[in-house]
PDB file of N, CA and C in Angstrom:
ATOM      1  N   MET A   1      23.224  30.811 -20.338  1.00  0.00           N
ATOM      2  CA  MET A   1      22.430  29.997 -21.224  1.00  0.00           C
ATOM      3  C   MET A   1      22.630  28.506 -20.919  1.00  0.00           C
ATOM      4  N   LYS A   2      23.866  28.123 -20.598  1.00  0.00           N
ATOM      5  CA  LYS A   2      24.148  26.725 -20.275  1.00  0.00           C
ATOM      6  C   LYS A   2      23.369  26.280 -19.032  1.00  0.00           C
ATOM      7  N   LYS A   3      23.315  27.151 -18.036  1.00  0.00           N
ATOM      8  CA  LYS A   3      22.593  26.826 -16.810  1.00  0.00           C
ATOM      9  C   LYS A   3      21.103  26.646 -17.101  1.00  0.00           C
ATOM     10  N   PHE A   4      20.570  27.509 -17.941  1.00  0.00           N
ATOM     11  CA  PHE A   4      19.154  27.427 -18.305  1.00  0.00           C
ATOM     12  C   PHE A   4      18.858  26.107 -19.015  1.00  0.00           C
ATOM     13  N   CYS A   5      19.683  25.756 -20.007  1.00  0.00           N
ATOM     14  CA  CYS A   5      19.498  24.502 -20.747  1.00  0.00           C
ATOM     15  C   CYS A   5      19.625  23.297 -19.824  1.00  0.00           C
ATOM     16  N   LEU A   6      20.604  23.335 -18.928  1.00  0.00           N
ATOM     17  CA  LEU A   6      20.796  22.252 -17.978  1.00  0.00           C
ATOM     18  C   LEU A   6      19.578  22.117 -17.059  1.00  0.00           C
ATOM     19  N   SER A   7      19.026  23.240 -16.636  1.00  0.00           N
ATOM     20  CA  SER A   7      17.832  23.218 -15.783  1.00  0.00           C
ATOM     21  C   SER A   7      16.640  22.610 -16.510  1.00  0.00           C
ATOM     22  N   VAL A   8      16.446  23.008 -17.762  1.00  0.00           N
ATOM     23  CA  VAL A   8      15.333  22.476 -18.557  1.00  0.00           C
ATOM     24  C   VAL A   8      15.491  20.976 -18.764  1.00  0.00           C
ATOM     25  N   ILE A   9      16.695  20.532 -19.086  1.00  0.00           N
ATOM     26  CA  ILE A   9      16.954  19.106 -19.292  1.00  0.00           C
ATOM     27  C   ILE A   9      16.701  18.322 -18.009  1.00  0.00           C
ATOM     28  N   THR A  10      17.149  18.854 -16.883  1.00  0.00           N
ATOM     29  CA  THR A  10      16.942  18.193 -15.597  1.00  0.00           C
ATOM     30  C   THR A  10      15.455  18.056 -15.295  1.00  0.00           C
ATOM     31  N   ILE A  11      14.701  19.105 -15.518  1.00  0.00           N
ATOM     32  CA  ILE A  11      13.250  19.065 -15.272  1.00  0.00           C
ATOM     33  C   ILE A  11      12.582  18.045 -16.183  1.00  0.00           C
ATOM     34  N   LEU A  12      12.963  18.023 -17.438  1.00  0.00           N
ATOM     35  CA  LEU A  12      12.379  17.067 -18.380  1.00  0.00           C
ATOM     36  C   LEU A  12      12.694  15.627 -17.989  1.00  0.00           C
ATOM     37  N   LEU A  13      13.930  15.371 -17.623  1.00  0.00           N
ATOM     38  CA  LEU A  13      14.309  14.018 -17.217  1.00  0.00           C
ATOM     39  C   LEU A  13      13.575  13.602 -15.956  1.00  0.00           C
ATOM     40  N   PHE A  14      13.418  14.516 -15.023  1.00  0.00           N
ATOM     41  CA  PHE A  14      12.691  14.202 -13.796  1.00  0.00           C
ATOM     42  C   PHE A  14      11.238  13.890 -14.088  1.00  0.00           C
ATOM     43  N   SER A  15      10.613  14.668 -14.946  1.00  0.00           N
ATOM     44  CA  SER A  15       9.193  14.441 -15.244  1.00  0.00           C
ATOM     45  C   SER A  15       8.980  13.157 -16.031  1.00  0.00           C
ATOM     46  N   ILE A  16       9.932  12.766 -16.863  1.00  0.00           N
ATOM     47  CA  ILE A  16       9.817  11.507 -17.599  1.00  0.00           C
ATOM     48  C   ILE A  16       9.926  10.322 -16.645  1.00  0.00           C
ATOM     49  N   ASN A  17      10.811  10.417 -15.675  1.00  0.00           N
ATOM     50  CA  ASN A  17      11.031   9.320 -14.742  1.00  0.00           C
ATOM     51  C   ASN A  17      10.066   9.330 -13.566  1.00  0.00           C
ATOM     52  N   ALA A  18       9.295  10.403 -13.409  1.00  0.00           N
ATOM     53  CA  ALA A  18       8.351  10.474 -12.299  1.00  0.00           C
ATOM     54  C   ALA A  18       7.258   9.439 -12.486  1.00  0.00           C
ATOM     55  N   THR A  19       7.002   8.684 -11.439  1.00  0.00           N
ATOM     56  CA  THR A  19       5.957   7.682 -11.501  1.00  0.00           C
ATOM     57  C   THR A  19       5.029   7.851 -10.321  1.00  0.00           C
ATOM     58  N   ALA A  20       3.901   7.222 -10.420  1.00  0.00           N
ATOM     59  CA  ALA A  20       2.916   7.369  -9.360  1.00  0.00           C
ATOM     60  C   ALA A  20       2.444   6.008  -8.896  1.00  0.00           C
ATOM     61  N   GLN A  21       3.318   5.254  -8.365  1.00  0.00           N
ATOM     62  CA  GLN A  21       2.941   3.930  -7.912  1.00  0.00           C
ATOM     63  C   GLN A  21       2.898   3.817  -6.392  1.00  0.00           C
ATOM     64  N   LYS A  22       3.218   4.895  -5.705  1.00  0.00           N
ATOM     65  CA  LYS A  22       2.998   4.943  -4.269  1.00  0.00           C
ATOM     66  C   LYS A  22       1.616   5.550  -4.099  1.00  0.00           C
ATOM     67  N   VAL A  23       0.703   4.762  -3.562  1.00  0.00           N
ATOM     68  CA  VAL A  23      -0.684   5.206  -3.483  1.00  0.00           C
ATOM     69  C   VAL A  23      -1.170   5.229  -2.045  1.00  0.00           C
ATOM     70  N   TYR A  24      -2.175   6.066  -1.829  1.00  0.00           N
ATOM     71  CA  TYR A  24      -2.830   6.160  -0.526  1.00  0.00           C
ATOM     72  C   TYR A  24      -4.325   6.116  -0.769  1.00  0.00           C
ATOM     73  N   SER A  25      -5.002   5.293  -0.036  1.00  0.00           N
ATOM     74  CA  SER A  25      -6.447   5.147  -0.192  1.00  0.00           C
ATOM     75  C   SER A  25      -7.162   6.150   0.720  1.00  0.00           C
ATOM     76  N   VAL A  26      -7.888   7.084   0.095  1.00  0.00           N
ATOM     77  CA  VAL A  26      -8.614   8.108   0.844  1.00  0.00           C
ATOM     78  C   VAL A  26     -10.053   7.674   1.083  1.00  0.00           C
ATOM     79  N   GLU A  27     -10.683   8.306   2.045  1.00  0.00           N
ATOM     80  CA  GLU A  27     -12.034   7.920   2.448  1.00  0.00           C
ATOM     81  C   GLU A  27     -13.125   8.488   1.532  1.00  0.00           C
ATOM     82  N   TYR A  28     -12.891   9.676   0.986  1.00  0.00           N
ATOM     83  CA  TYR A  28     -13.927  10.353   0.207  1.00  0.00           C
ATOM     84  C   TYR A  28     -13.477  10.593  -1.233  1.00  0.00           C
ATOM     85  N   GLN A  29     -14.434  10.505  -2.168  1.00  0.00           N
ATOM     86  CA  GLN A  29     -14.147  10.674  -3.598  1.00  0.00           C
ATOM     87  C   GLN A  29     -13.488  12.005  -3.914  1.00  0.00           C
ATOM     88  N   ASN A  30     -13.955  13.073  -3.256  1.00  0.00           N
ATOM     89  CA  ASN A  30     -13.430  14.402  -3.585  1.00  0.00           C
ATOM     90  C   ASN A  30     -11.982  14.606  -3.140  1.00  0.00           C
ATOM     91  N   GLN A  31     -11.437  13.692  -2.353  1.00  0.00           N
ATOM     92  CA  GLN A  31     -10.039  13.771  -1.934  1.00  0.00           C
ATOM     93  C   GLN A  31      -9.113  13.030  -2.905  1.00  0.00           C
ATOM     94  N   ALA A  32      -9.690  12.252  -3.815  1.00  0.00           N
ATOM     95  CA  ALA A  32      -8.913  11.350  -4.657  1.00  0.00           C
ATOM     96  C   ALA A  32      -8.457  11.999  -5.954  1.00  0.00           C
ATOM     97  N   ASP A  33      -7.283  11.566  -6.398  1.00  0.00           N
ATOM     98  CA  ASP A  33      -6.796  11.911  -7.735  1.00  0.00           C
ATOM     99  C   ASP A  33      -7.416  10.973  -8.765  1.00  0.00           C
ATOM    100  N   VAL A  34      -7.597   9.715  -8.353  1.00  0.00           N
ATOM    101  CA  VAL A  34      -8.138   8.689  -9.248  1.00  0.00           C
ATOM    102  C   VAL A  34      -9.157   7.846  -8.485  1.00  0.00           C
ATOM    103  N   LYS A  35     -10.324   7.638  -9.121  1.00  0.00           N
ATOM    104  CA  LYS A  35     -11.344   6.760  -8.543  1.00  0.00           C
ATOM    105  C   LYS A  35     -11.174   5.378  -9.157  1.00  0.00           C
ATOM    106  N   VAL A  36     -11.108   4.369  -8.290  1.00  0.00           N
ATOM    107  CA  VAL A  36     -10.747   3.015  -8.702  1.00  0.00           C
ATOM    108  C   VAL A  36     -11.872   2.041  -8.360  1.00  0.00           C
ATOM    109  N   PHE A  37     -12.092   1.101  -9.270  1.00  0.00           N
ATOM    110  CA  PHE A  37     -13.044   0.016  -9.032  1.00  0.00           C
ATOM    111  C   PHE A  37     -12.310  -1.298  -9.223  1.00  0.00           C
ATOM    112  N   VAL A  38     -12.512  -2.229  -8.292  1.00  0.00           N
ATOM    113  CA  VAL A  38     -11.875  -3.540  -8.375  1.00  0.00           C
ATOM    114  C   VAL A  38     -12.832  -4.497  -9.075  1.00  0.00           C
ATOM    115  N   VAL A  39     -12.394  -5.035 -10.212  1.00  0.00           N
ATOM    116  CA  VAL A  39     -13.226  -5.943 -10.999  1.00  0.00           C
ATOM    117  C   VAL A  39     -13.004  -7.383 -10.555  1.00  0.00           C
ATOM    118  N   ASP A  40     -13.908  -8.253 -10.975  1.00  0.00           N
ATOM    119  CA  ASP A  40     -13.855  -9.661 -10.582  1.00  0.00           C
ATOM    120  C   ASP A  40     -12.931 -10.503 -11.458  1.00  0.00           C
ATOM    121  N   TYR A  41     -12.723 -10.058 -12.683  1.00  0.00           N
ATOM    122  CA  TYR A  41     -11.939 -10.851 -13.630  1.00  0.00           C
ATOM    123  C   TYR A  41     -10.838 -10.013 -14.272  1.00  0.00           C
ATOM    124  N   GLU A  42      -9.710 -10.663 -14.522  1.00  0.00           N
ATOM    125  CA  GLU A  42      -8.531 -10.022 -15.098  1.00  0.00           C
ATOM    126  C   GLU A  42      -8.821  -9.286 -16.407  1.00  0.00           C
ATOM    127  N   ASN A  43      -9.612  -9.905 -17.272  1.00  0.00           N
ATOM    128  CA  ASN A  43      -9.851  -9.316 -18.593  1.00  0.00           C
ATOM    129  C   ASN A  43     -10.757  -8.089 -18.564  1.00  0.00           C
ATOM    130  N   GLN A  44     -11.373  -7.799 -17.431  1.00  0.00           N
ATOM    131  CA  GLN A  44     -12.219  -6.611 -17.287  1.00  0.00           C
ATOM    132  C   GLN A  44     -11.410  -5.393 -16.837  1.00  0.00           C
ATOM    133  N   ALA A  45     -10.191  -5.609 -16.414  1.00  0.00           N
ATOM    134  CA  ALA A  45      -9.376  -4.558 -15.800  1.00  0.00           C
ATOM    135  C   ALA A  45      -8.628  -3.727 -16.831  1.00  0.00           C
ATOM    136  N   ASP A  46      -8.481  -2.429 -16.503  1.00  0.00           N
ATOM    137  CA  ASP A  46      -7.577  -1.565 -17.259  1.00  0.00           C
ATOM    138  C   ASP A  46      -6.142  -1.829 -16.818  1.00  0.00           C
ATOM    139  N   LEU A  47      -5.991  -2.130 -15.529  1.00  0.00           N
ATOM    140  CA  LEU A  47      -4.669  -2.346 -14.945  1.00  0.00           C
ATOM    141  C   LEU A  47      -4.717  -3.526 -13.989  1.00  0.00           C
ATOM    142  N   LYS A  48      -3.749  -4.428 -14.142  1.00  0.00           N
ATOM    143  CA  LYS A  48      -3.587  -5.525 -13.191  1.00  0.00           C
ATOM    144  C   LYS A  48      -2.537  -5.073 -12.177  1.00  0.00           C
ATOM    145  N   VAL A  49      -2.906  -5.103 -10.897  1.00  0.00           N
ATOM    146  CA  VAL A  49      -2.081  -4.533  -9.830  1.00  0.00           C
ATOM    147  C   VAL A  49      -1.526  -5.626  -8.928  1.00  0.00           C
ATOM    148  N   TYR A  50      -0.244  -5.477  -8.620  1.00  0.00           N
ATOM    149  CA  TYR A  50       0.404  -6.325  -7.630  1.00  0.00           C
ATOM    150  C   TYR A  50       0.830  -5.440  -6.472  1.00  0.00           C
ATOM    151  N   LYS A  51       0.419  -5.798  -5.258  1.00  0.00           N
ATOM    152  CA  LYS A  51       0.800  -5.017  -4.082  1.00  0.00           C
ATOM    153  C   LYS A  51       2.182  -5.446  -3.611  1.00  0.00           C
ATOM    154  N   VAL A  52       3.121  -4.500  -3.606  1.00  0.00           N
ATOM    155  CA  VAL A  52       4.490  -4.791  -3.161  1.00  0.00           C
ATOM    156  C   VAL A  52       4.644  -4.469  -1.681  1.00  0.00           C
ATOM    157  N   LYS A  53       5.649  -5.074  -1.069  1.00  0.00           N
ATOM    158  CA  LYS A  53       5.869  -4.895   0.367  1.00  0.00           C
ATOM    159  C   LYS A  53       6.730  -3.672   0.693  1.00  0.00           C
ATOM    160  N   TYR A  54       7.578  -3.288  -0.268  1.00  0.00           N
ATOM    161  CA  TYR A  54       8.519  -2.207  -0.004  1.00  0.00           C
ATOM    162  C   TYR A  54       8.386  -1.098  -1.045  1.00  0.00           C
ATOM    163  N   GLN A  55       8.548   0.115  -0.593  1.00  0.00           N
ATOM    164  CA  GLN A  55       8.389   1.307  -1.421  1.00  0.00           C
ATOM    165  C   GLN A  55       9.284   1.301  -2.659  1.00  0.00           C
ATOM    166  N   ASN A  56      10.514   0.840  -2.519  1.00  0.00           N
ATOM    167  CA  ASN A  56      11.449   0.873  -3.653  1.00  0.00           C
ATOM    168  C   ASN A  56      11.119  -0.149  -4.743  1.00  0.00           C
ATOM    169  N   GLN A  57      10.174  -1.033  -4.511  1.00  0.00           N
ATOM    170  CA  GLN A  57       9.750  -1.997  -5.526  1.00  0.00           C
ATOM    171  C   GLN A  57       8.697  -1.404  -6.466  1.00  0.00           C
ATOM    172  N   ALA A  58       8.176  -0.253  -6.124  1.00  0.00           N
ATOM    173  CA  ALA A  58       7.106   0.380  -6.898  1.00  0.00           C
ATOM    174  C   ALA A  58       7.661   1.569  -7.662  1.00  0.00           C
ATOM    175  N   ASP A  59       8.611   1.311  -8.548  1.00  0.00           N
ATOM    176  CA  ASP A  59       9.343   2.408  -9.175  1.00  0.00           C
ATOM    177  C   ASP A  59       8.904   2.770 -10.582  1.00  0.00           C
ATOM    178  N   LYS A  60       8.039   2.005 -11.200  1.00  0.00           N
ATOM    179  CA  LYS A  60       7.606   2.305 -12.559  1.00  0.00           C
ATOM    180  C   LYS A  60       6.096   2.178 -12.658  1.00  0.00           C
ATOM    181  N   ASN A  61       5.535   2.731 -13.699  1.00  0.00           N
ATOM    182  CA  ASN A  61       4.088   2.689 -13.906  1.00  0.00           C
ATOM    183  C   ASN A  61       3.716   1.374 -14.597  1.00  0.00           C
ATOM    184  N   GLU A  62       3.955   0.280 -13.891  1.00  0.00           N
ATOM    185  CA  GLU A  62       3.727  -1.045 -14.454  1.00  0.00           C
ATOM    186  C   GLU A  62       2.798  -1.890 -13.600  1.00  0.00           C
ATOM    187  N   GLY A  63       2.076  -1.261 -12.683  1.00  0.00           N
ATOM    188  CA  GLY A  63       1.095  -1.991 -11.900  1.00  0.00           C
ATOM    189  C   GLY A  63       1.587  -2.524 -10.574  1.00  0.00           C
ATOM    190  N   ARG A  64       2.773  -2.139 -10.160  1.00  0.00           N
ATOM    191  CA  ARG A  64       3.264  -2.518  -8.828  1.00  0.00           C
ATOM    192  C   ARG A  64       2.996  -1.350  -7.893  1.00  0.00           C
ATOM    193  N   TRP A  65       2.066  -1.553  -6.966  1.00  0.00           N
ATOM    194  CA  TRP A  65       1.644  -0.480  -6.062  1.00  0.00           C
ATOM    195  C   TRP A  65       2.140  -0.720  -4.653  1.00  0.00           C
ATOM    196  N   PHE A  66       2.584   0.362  -4.029  1.00  0.00           N
ATOM    197  CA  PHE A  66       2.919   0.359  -2.619  1.00  0.00           C
ATOM    198  C   PHE A  66       1.929   1.280  -1.924  1.00  0.00           C
ATOM    199  N   PHE A  67       1.195   0.753  -0.955  1.00  0.00           N
ATOM    200  CA  PHE A  67       0.216   1.553  -0.220  1.00  0.00           C
ATOM    201  C   PHE A  67       0.913   2.218   0.966  1.00  0.00           C
ATOM    202  N   THR A  68       0.911   3.542   0.968  1.00  0.00           N
ATOM    203  CA  THR A  68       1.583   4.305   2.018  1.00  0.00           C
ATOM    204  C   THR A  68       0.679   4.442   3.241  1.00  0.00           C
ATOM    205  N   ASP A  69       1.290   4.779   4.362  1.00  0.00           N
ATOM    206  CA  ASP A  69       0.539   4.978   5.598  1.00  0.00           C
ATOM    207  C   ASP A  69      -0.059   6.377   5.697  1.00  0.00           C
ATOM    208  N   TYR A  70       0.532   7.312   4.974  1.00  0.00           N
ATOM    209  CA  TYR A  70       0.093   8.707   5.049  1.00  0.00           C
ATOM    210  C   TYR A  70      -0.068   9.284   3.647  1.00  0.00           C
ATOM    211  N   ALA A  71      -1.035  10.165   3.477  1.00  0.00           N
ATOM    212  CA  ALA A  71      -1.350  10.756   2.174  1.00  0.00           C
ATOM    213  C   ALA A  71      -0.173  11.534   1.589  1.00  0.00           C
ATOM    214  N   ASN A  72       0.583  12.227   2.441  1.00  0.00           N
ATOM    215  CA  ASN A  72       1.683  13.045   1.923  1.00  0.00           C
ATOM    216  C   ASN A  72       2.870  12.219   1.427  1.00  0.00           C
ATOM    217  N   GLN A  73       2.879  10.917   1.678  1.00  0.00           N
ATOM    218  CA  GLN A  73       3.937  10.044   1.177  1.00  0.00           C
ATOM    219  C   GLN A  73       3.608   9.490  -0.206  1.00  0.00           C
ATOM    220  N   ALA A  74       2.358   9.624  -0.622  1.00  0.00           N
ATOM    221  CA  ALA A  74       1.893   9.003  -1.863  1.00  0.00           C
ATOM    222  C   ALA A  74       2.052   9.928  -3.060  1.00  0.00           C
ATOM    223  N   ASP A  75       2.218   9.291  -4.222  1.00  0.00           N
ATOM    224  CA  ASP A  75       2.227  10.031  -5.479  1.00  0.00           C
ATOM    225  C   ASP A  75       0.804  10.259  -5.972  1.00  0.00           C
ATOM    226  N   LYS A  76      -0.067   9.300  -5.699  1.00  0.00           N
ATOM    227  CA  LYS A  76      -1.472   9.407  -6.092  1.00  0.00           C
ATOM    228  C   LYS A  76      -2.359   8.989  -4.931  1.00  0.00           C
ATOM    229  N   LYS A  77      -3.448   9.734  -4.759  1.00  0.00           N
ATOM    230  CA  LYS A  77      -4.466   9.362  -3.787  1.00  0.00           C
ATOM    231  C   LYS A  77      -5.607   8.714  -4.563  1.00  0.00           C
ATOM    232  N   ILE A  78      -6.008   7.535  -4.103  1.00  0.00           N
ATOM    233  CA  ILE A  78      -7.076   6.818  -4.790  1.00  0.00           C
ATOM    234  C   ILE A  78      -8.260   6.618  -3.853  1.00  0.00           C
ATOM    235  N   HIS A  79      -9.420   6.444  -4.459  1.00  0.00           N
ATOM    236  CA  HIS A  79     -10.630   6.134  -3.698  1.00  0.00           C
ATOM    237  C   HIS A  79     -11.291   4.941  -4.374  1.00  0.00           C
ATOM    238  N   PHE A  80     -11.602   3.919  -3.593  1.00  0.00           N
ATOM    239  CA  PHE A  80     -12.274   2.745  -4.118  1.00  0.00           C
ATOM    240  C   PHE A  80     -13.778   3.009  -4.154  1.00  0.00           C
ATOM    241  N   VAL A  81     -14.362   2.950  -5.345  1.00  0.00           N
ATOM    242  CA  VAL A  81     -15.792   3.213  -5.511  1.00  0.00           C
ATOM    243  C   VAL A  81     -16.565   1.895  -5.548  1.00  0.00           C
ATOM    244  N   LYS A  82     -17.888   1.984  -5.346  1.00  0.00           N
ATOM    245  CA  LYS A  82     -18.733   0.788  -5.282  1.00  0.00           C
ATOM    246  C   LYS A  82     -19.153   0.272  -6.648  1.00  0.00           C
ATOM    247  N   TYR A  83     -19.212   1.171  -7.622  1.00  0.00           N
ATOM    248  CA  TYR A  83     -19.724   0.791  -8.939  1.00  0.00           C
ATOM    249  C   TYR A  83     -18.721   1.156 -10.034  1.00  0.00           C
ATOM    250  N   ALA A  84     -18.635   0.299 -11.047  1.00  0.00           N
ATOM    251  CA  ALA A  84     -17.686   0.481 -12.136  1.00  0.00           C
ATOM    252  C   ALA A  84     -17.887   1.796 -12.882  1.00  0.00           C
ATOM    253  N   ASN A  85     -19.149   2.205 -13.035  1.00  0.00           N
ATOM    254  CA  ASN A  85     -19.407   3.434 -13.799  1.00  0.00           C
ATOM    255  C   ASN A  85     -18.999   4.700 -13.054  1.00  0.00           C
ATOM    256  N   GLN A  86     -18.633   4.591 -11.796  1.00  0.00           N
ATOM    257  CA  GLN A  86     -18.147   5.739 -11.025  1.00  0.00           C
ATOM    258  C   GLN A  86     -16.627   5.881 -11.118  1.00  0.00           C
ATOM    259  N   SER A  87     -15.977   4.906 -11.712  1.00  0.00           N
ATOM    260  CA  SER A  87     -14.518   4.857 -11.644  1.00  0.00           C
ATOM    261  C   SER A  87     -13.837   5.503 -12.847  1.00  0.00           C
ATOM    262  N   ASP A  88     -12.602   5.922 -12.593  1.00  0.00           N
ATOM    263  CA  ASP A  88     -11.712   6.377 -13.655  1.00  0.00           C
ATOM    264  C   ASP A  88     -10.889   5.196 -14.173  1.00  0.00           C
ATOM    265  N   LEU A  89     -10.616   4.253 -13.274  1.00  0.00           N
ATOM    266  CA  LEU A  89      -9.705   3.153 -13.562  1.00  0.00           C
ATOM    267  C   LEU A  89     -10.247   1.868 -12.941  1.00  0.00           C
ATOM    268  N   LYS A  90     -10.276   0.800 -13.736  1.00  0.00           N
ATOM    269  CA  LYS A  90     -10.689  -0.513 -13.231  1.00  0.00           C
ATOM    270  C   LYS A  90      -9.432  -1.345 -13.032  1.00  0.00           C
ATOM    271  N   ILE A  91      -9.314  -1.934 -11.838  1.00  0.00           N
ATOM    272  CA  ILE A  91      -8.121  -2.724 -11.527  1.00  0.00           C
ATOM    273  C   ILE A  91      -8.495  -4.135 -11.099  1.00  0.00           C
ATOM    274  N   TYR A  92      -7.520  -5.005 -11.190  1.00  0.00           N
ATOM    275  CA  TYR A  92      -7.647  -6.374 -10.715  1.00  0.00           C
ATOM    276  C   TYR A  92      -6.361  -6.692  -9.962  1.00  0.00           C
ATOM    277  N   PHE A  93      -6.481  -7.183  -8.726  1.00  0.00           N
ATOM    278  CA  PHE A  93      -5.295  -7.531  -7.939  1.00  0.00           C
ATOM    279  C   PHE A  93      -4.822  -8.933  -8.318  1.00  0.00           C
ATOM    280  N   VAL A  94      -3.562  -9.032  -8.706  1.00  0.00           N
ATOM    281  CA  VAL A  94      -2.982 -10.315  -9.101  1.00  0.00           C
ATOM    282  C   VAL A  94      -2.130 -10.887  -7.970  1.00  0.00           C
ATOM    283  N   LYS A  95      -1.878 -12.197  -8.023  1.00  0.00           N
ATOM    284  CA  LYS A  95      -1.118 -12.879  -6.972  1.00  0.00           C
ATOM    285  C   LYS A  95       0.392 -12.788  -7.159  1.00  0.00           C
ATOM    286  N   TYR A  96       0.820 -12.651  -8.420  1.00  0.00           N
ATOM    287  CA  TYR A  96       2.246 -12.680  -8.711  1.00  0.00           C
ATOM    288  C   TYR A  96       2.692 -11.412  -9.427  1.00  0.00           C
ATOM    289  N   GLU A  97       3.877 -10.954  -9.098  1.00  0.00           N
ATOM    290  CA  GLU A  97       4.406  -9.700  -9.631  1.00  0.00           C
ATOM    291  C   GLU A  97       4.484  -9.680 -11.153  1.00  0.00           C
ATOM    292  N   ASN A  98       4.840 -10.795 -11.757  1.00  0.00           N
ATOM    293  CA  ASN A  98       4.991 -10.820 -13.215  1.00  0.00           C
ATOM    294  C   ASN A  98       3.657 -10.756 -13.964  1.00  0.00           C
ATOM    295  N   GLN A  99       2.539 -10.839 -13.263  1.00  0.00           N
ATOM    296  CA  GLN A  99       1.219 -10.720 -13.884  1.00  0.00           C
ATOM    297  C   GLN A  99       0.757  -9.268 -13.981  1.00  0.00           C
ATOM    298  N   ALA A 100       1.405  -8.375 -13.259  1.00  0.00           N
ATOM    299  CA  ALA A 100       0.997  -6.974 -13.218  1.00  0.00           C
ATOM    300  C   ALA A 100       1.263  -6.289 -14.548  1.00  0.00           C
ATOM    301  N   GLY A 101       0.402  -5.329 -14.879  1.00  0.00           N
ATOM    302  CA  GLY A 101       0.616  -4.556 -16.094  1.00  0.00           C
ATOM    303  C   GLY A 101      -0.681  -4.003 -16.645  1.00  0.00           C
ATOM    304  N   TRP A 102      -0.547  -3.232 -17.713  1.00  0.00           N
ATOM    305  CA  TRP A 102      -1.682  -2.536 -18.322  1.00  0.00           C
ATOM    306  C   TRP A 102      -2.372  -3.394 -19.369  1.00  0.00           C
ATOM    307  N   ASN A 103      -3.691  -3.496 -19.271  1.00  0.00           N
ATOM    308  CA  ASN A 103      -4.519  -4.082 -20.329  1.00  0.00           C
ATOM    309  C   ASN A 103      -5.001  -2.977 -21.271  1.00  0.00           C
ATOM    310  N   ASN A 104      -5.232  -1.800 -20.701  1.00  0.00           N
ATOM    311  CA  ASN A 104      -5.772  -0.669 -21.463  1.00  0.00           C
ATOM    312  C   ASN A 104      -4.795   0.509 -21.342  1.00  0.00           C
ATOM    313  N   LYS A 105      -3.869   0.594 -22.253  1.00  0.00           N
ATOM    314  CA  LYS A 105      -2.818   1.630 -22.185  1.00  0.00           C
ATOM    315  C   LYS A 105      -3.362   3.043 -22.373  1.00  0.00           C
ATOM    316  N   SER A 106      -4.594   3.190 -22.837  1.00  0.00           N
ATOM    317  CA  SER A 106      -5.154   4.538 -23.006  1.00  0.00           C
ATOM    318  C   SER A 106      -5.393   5.219 -21.661  1.00  0.00           C
ATOM    319  N   LYS A 107      -5.369   4.455 -20.581  1.00  0.00           N
ATOM    320  CA  LYS A 107      -5.593   5.018 -19.242  1.00  0.00           C
ATOM    321  C   LYS A 107      -4.295   5.176 -18.450  1.00  0.00           C
ATOM    322  N   ILE A 108      -3.164   4.912 -19.077  1.00  0.00           N
ATOM    323  CA  ILE A 108      -1.874   4.928 -18.390  1.00  0.00           C
ATOM    324  C   ILE A 108      -1.557   6.299 -17.777  1.00  0.00           C
ATOM    325  N   GLN A 109      -2.041   7.368 -18.399  1.00  0.00           N
ATOM    326  CA  GLN A 109      -1.750   8.733 -17.912  1.00  0.00           C
ATOM    327  C   GLN A 109      -2.391   8.987 -16.548  1.00  0.00           C
ATOM    328  N   LEU A 110      -3.382   8.232 -16.164  1.00  0.00           N
ATOM    329  CA  LEU A 110      -4.033   8.430 -14.862  1.00  0.00           C
ATOM    330  C   LEU A 110      -3.071   8.207 -13.698  1.00  0.00           C
ATOM    331  N   MET A 111      -2.082   7.369 -13.916  1.00  0.00           N
ATOM    332  CA  MET A 111      -1.163   7.040 -12.830  1.00  0.00           C
ATOM    333  C   MET A 111       0.187   7.746 -12.942  1.00  0.00           C
ATOM    334  N   TYR A 112       0.295   8.746 -13.825  1.00  0.00           N
ATOM    335  CA  TYR A 112       1.516   9.561 -13.889  1.00  0.00           C
ATOM    336  C   TYR A 112       1.345  10.801 -13.074  1.00  0.00           C
TER     337      TYR A 112
END
């Protein structure tokens, strides 16, 4: 029974800490987990994204994205769409890391 409880706790802790900030941009919509549209203004975005240089900087669901070279390295596959109404998530790329974050927390589950 102790082993079972320990296993359940481990799985729960892993799933709580699991994040999806390592992303890979796919070519076709049907390959994507999330369809993304880049907006022109910060206030139009669900998520403000800062692109980090290193994988270990993208550890939480707070808008710091690391773009991987291969799909199997990513937590989420995204596809950039041409029109806002085709998207699941609207993003805005920010210049500074401290600007990143969620404007619309109702969409936060898309990146878990």
